[in-house]
Amino acid sequence: MPELPEVETIRRQLAPHLEGRTLAQVEIRDHRWTLPEAPEVVAAQLTGARVLRLERMGKYMIWELDGDRHLLVHLRMTGALLLDAGGEPPHARVRFGLDDGHVLHYVDPRRFGTGTLLDSRAERDAYFTRRLGAEPFTAAFTAHYLREQARGRSAPVKSFILDQRRIAGVGNIYADEALHRAGVHPLRAAGELSLAQWRALKQAIEAALADGIDAKGASIDDYRHVDGARGSFQDRFLVHTRAGEPCLSCGREIRKLVVGGRGTYVCEHCQPRPRPRRPGRAAPR
């Protein structure tokens, strides 16, 4: 699934082509993309709209349109946006014809992606307030915020990191990479981390995401740039997908675990497995 770095990369690539342009033709071919709204109704509302700017929040790309309208695009697992693909790409679900002749396709083999059109900034803000926690690189994203969000929680710290209501934009790849950088085992209970560990993890999350943005995302499966090119962050992975290979820090073998139903990669030398907690033992502060 495209995560914050992948969506930010696409936003940066698309912005020069979309900002200031008018959506001359909009064809929505998949009714699931706009649920519960009818695709023909949303297409009619988008046709003729002018794109003022492209923004991003978490894994959502935000098309700010004239008339205080906002199209929220979520790529989910296999969605991609391809500009001037040279014909009809496979699995094209939405076609945007721009007023300068360029064509943008939304393609999605598994059809999990969504396009949500909201009628005001207030409605947009309320939408995100219900769904997203603090975003890395913002003033709200602090070690104290993370510790308070995790207080009393026995769920594994990796599951906590993947909860978009706590941290916006981080998915499976960057959670593995950040936990390794911070030296925290993914199975450690989120509520047991000390403030010092949250400081290290906060910095590690932002460092992993920054490296992902610098590499223009990770292309393991379906993620592509708007011109169809691949990102290169997969060439910099420290642990993710590297099961059986030596850890780049200590040389020990990287293991694959399952945490919260997600494939998880860890060096259990650099990230010591948590010991069973004795009854009555207080969580570190």
Foldseek 3Di string as FASTA:
>chain_A
DAFDLQQVLQQVVCFVVQAFWAQQFKDFADQLQEPPDGPVVVRVVRHGWHFHGWDDWFQWIWGQTPQQKIKTKHQPDFKDKAKPQPDDDPQFRMWTQIPVGIIITIHGPVSPIYIYMDRHVVVVVVVCLVQAADEAPDPCQALVLQQVVQAPFFAFVLVVCCRRNRYGGDHAQLSQQLCLQLLADRRGRSNQDASVSSRSSSVSSNVSSVVCNVQNHAPDDRRAHNNRHGGDCVVVRQWPPQAQAAGPVPGDGWHWDAGPNDTHIDDCVSRPDDDDDDPPDDRYD
